[in-house]
């Protein structure tokens, strides 16, 4: 199965969890796990760059 670009963001949101303090969080390891389920195989560096690049726009949509 080929990777699809539109599956990256859903993988990110699937990796988000609510921490004990009530805040939403995501770890790169969880993002890796979710992307692997969708046949995406990025390096940790690539995933961190994607998160950093989109952090502000993601935070404005309620997550």
C-alpha atoms as a PDB file:
ATOM      1  CA  UNK A   1       0.000   0.000   0.000  1.00  0.00           C
ATOM      2  CA  UNK A   2       1.333   3.438  -0.902  1.00  0.00           C
ATOM      3  CA  UNK A   3       1.534   6.273   1.572  1.00  0.00           C
ATOM      4  CA  UNK A   4      -0.891   9.139   1.092  1.00  0.00           C
ATOM      5  CA  UNK A   5       0.025  12.681   2.058  1.00  0.00           C
ATOM      6  CA  UNK A   6      -3.463  13.406   3.402  1.00  0.00           C
ATOM      7  CA  UNK A   7      -2.964  10.675   6.044  1.00  0.00           C
ATOM      8  CA  UNK A   8      -0.190  12.547   7.855  1.00  0.00           C
ATOM      9  CA  UNK A   9      -2.389  14.982   9.760  1.00  0.00           C
ATOM     10  CA  UNK A  10      -4.924  12.338  10.887  1.00  0.00           C
ATOM     11  CA  UNK A  11      -1.986  10.279  12.167  1.00  0.00           C
ATOM     12  CA  UNK A  12      -0.861  13.287  14.196  1.00  0.00           C
ATOM     13  CA  UNK A  13      -4.297  13.816  15.726  1.00  0.00           C
ATOM     14  CA  UNK A  14      -4.603  10.094  16.473  1.00  0.00           C
ATOM     15  CA  UNK A  15      -1.365  10.383  18.462  1.00  0.00           C
ATOM     16  CA  UNK A  16      -2.652  13.258  20.623  1.00  0.00           C
ATOM     17  CA  UNK A  17      -3.606  12.301  24.165  1.00  0.00           C
ATOM     18  CA  UNK A  18      -4.834  14.098  27.267  1.00  0.00           C
ATOM     19  CA  UNK A  19      -2.154  14.216  29.961  1.00  0.00           C
ATOM     20  CA  UNK A  20      -2.790  13.981  33.697  1.00  0.00           C
ATOM     21  CA  UNK A  21      -2.840  17.792  33.930  1.00  0.00           C
ATOM     22  CA  UNK A  22      -5.670  17.939  31.361  1.00  0.00           C
ATOM     23  CA  UNK A  23      -3.561  19.326  28.517  1.00  0.00           C
ATOM     24  CA  UNK A  24      -3.403  17.724  25.102  1.00  0.00           C
ATOM     25  CA  UNK A  25       0.019  16.343  24.242  1.00  0.00           C
ATOM     26  CA  UNK A  26       1.737  14.303  21.565  1.00  0.00           C
ATOM     27  CA  UNK A  27       5.048  12.512  21.557  1.00  0.00           C
ATOM     28  CA  UNK A  28       7.124  11.882  18.481  1.00  0.00           C
ATOM     29  CA  UNK A  29       7.096   8.165  19.359  1.00  0.00           C
ATOM     30  CA  UNK A  30       3.271   8.114  19.314  1.00  0.00           C
ATOM     31  CA  UNK A  31       3.274  10.013  16.014  1.00  0.00           C
ATOM     32  CA  UNK A  32       5.711   7.419  14.613  1.00  0.00           C
ATOM     33  CA  UNK A  33       3.402   4.601  15.715  1.00  0.00           C
ATOM     34  CA  UNK A  34       0.347   6.201  14.129  1.00  0.00           C
ATOM     35  CA  UNK A  35       2.144   6.990  10.881  1.00  0.00           C
ATOM     36  CA  UNK A  36       3.510   3.473  10.656  1.00  0.00           C
ATOM     37  CA  UNK A  37      -0.069   2.183  10.785  1.00  0.00           C
ATOM     38  CA  UNK A  38      -0.684   4.312   7.676  1.00  0.00           C
ATOM     39  CA  UNK A  39       2.434   3.081   5.860  1.00  0.00           C
ATOM     40  CA  UNK A  40       4.461   6.266   6.426  1.00  0.00           C
ATOM     41  CA  UNK A  41       8.080   5.670   7.357  1.00  0.00           C
ATOM     42  CA  UNK A  42       9.720   8.954   8.274  1.00  0.00           C
ATOM     43  CA  UNK A  43      12.742   9.457  10.473  1.00  0.00           C
ATOM     44  CA  UNK A  44      12.269  10.958  13.933  1.00  0.00           C
ATOM     45  CA  UNK A  45      13.864  14.149  12.584  1.00  0.00           C
ATOM     46  CA  UNK A  46      11.347  14.372   9.730  1.00  0.00           C
ATOM     47  CA  UNK A  47       8.442  13.879  12.128  1.00  0.00           C
ATOM     48  CA  UNK A  48       9.754  16.489  14.567  1.00  0.00           C
ATOM     49  CA  UNK A  49      10.186  18.965  11.704  1.00  0.00           C
ATOM     50  CA  UNK A  50       6.610  18.317  10.545  1.00  0.00           C
ATOM     51  CA  UNK A  51       5.289  18.884  14.094  1.00  0.00           C
ATOM     52  CA  UNK A  52       7.350  22.063  14.566  1.00  0.00           C
ATOM     53  CA  UNK A  53       6.330  23.446  11.171  1.00  0.00           C
ATOM     54  CA  UNK A  54       2.618  22.984  11.895  1.00  0.00           C
ATOM     55  CA  UNK A  55       2.520  23.462  15.660  1.00  0.00           C
ATOM     56  CA  UNK A  56       0.861  26.887  15.611  1.00  0.00           C
ATOM     57  CA  UNK A  57      -1.780  26.047  13.018  1.00  0.00           C
ATOM     58  CA  UNK A  58      -2.597  22.795  14.805  1.00  0.00           C
ATOM     59  CA  UNK A  59      -2.947  24.526  18.157  1.00  0.00           C
ATOM     60  CA  UNK A  60      -5.500  26.975  16.746  1.00  0.00           C
ATOM     61  CA  UNK A  61      -7.923  24.220  15.767  1.00  0.00           C
ATOM     62  CA  UNK A  62      -8.636  23.014  19.274  1.00  0.00           C
ATOM     63  CA  UNK A  63      -5.878  20.475  19.799  1.00  0.00           C
END
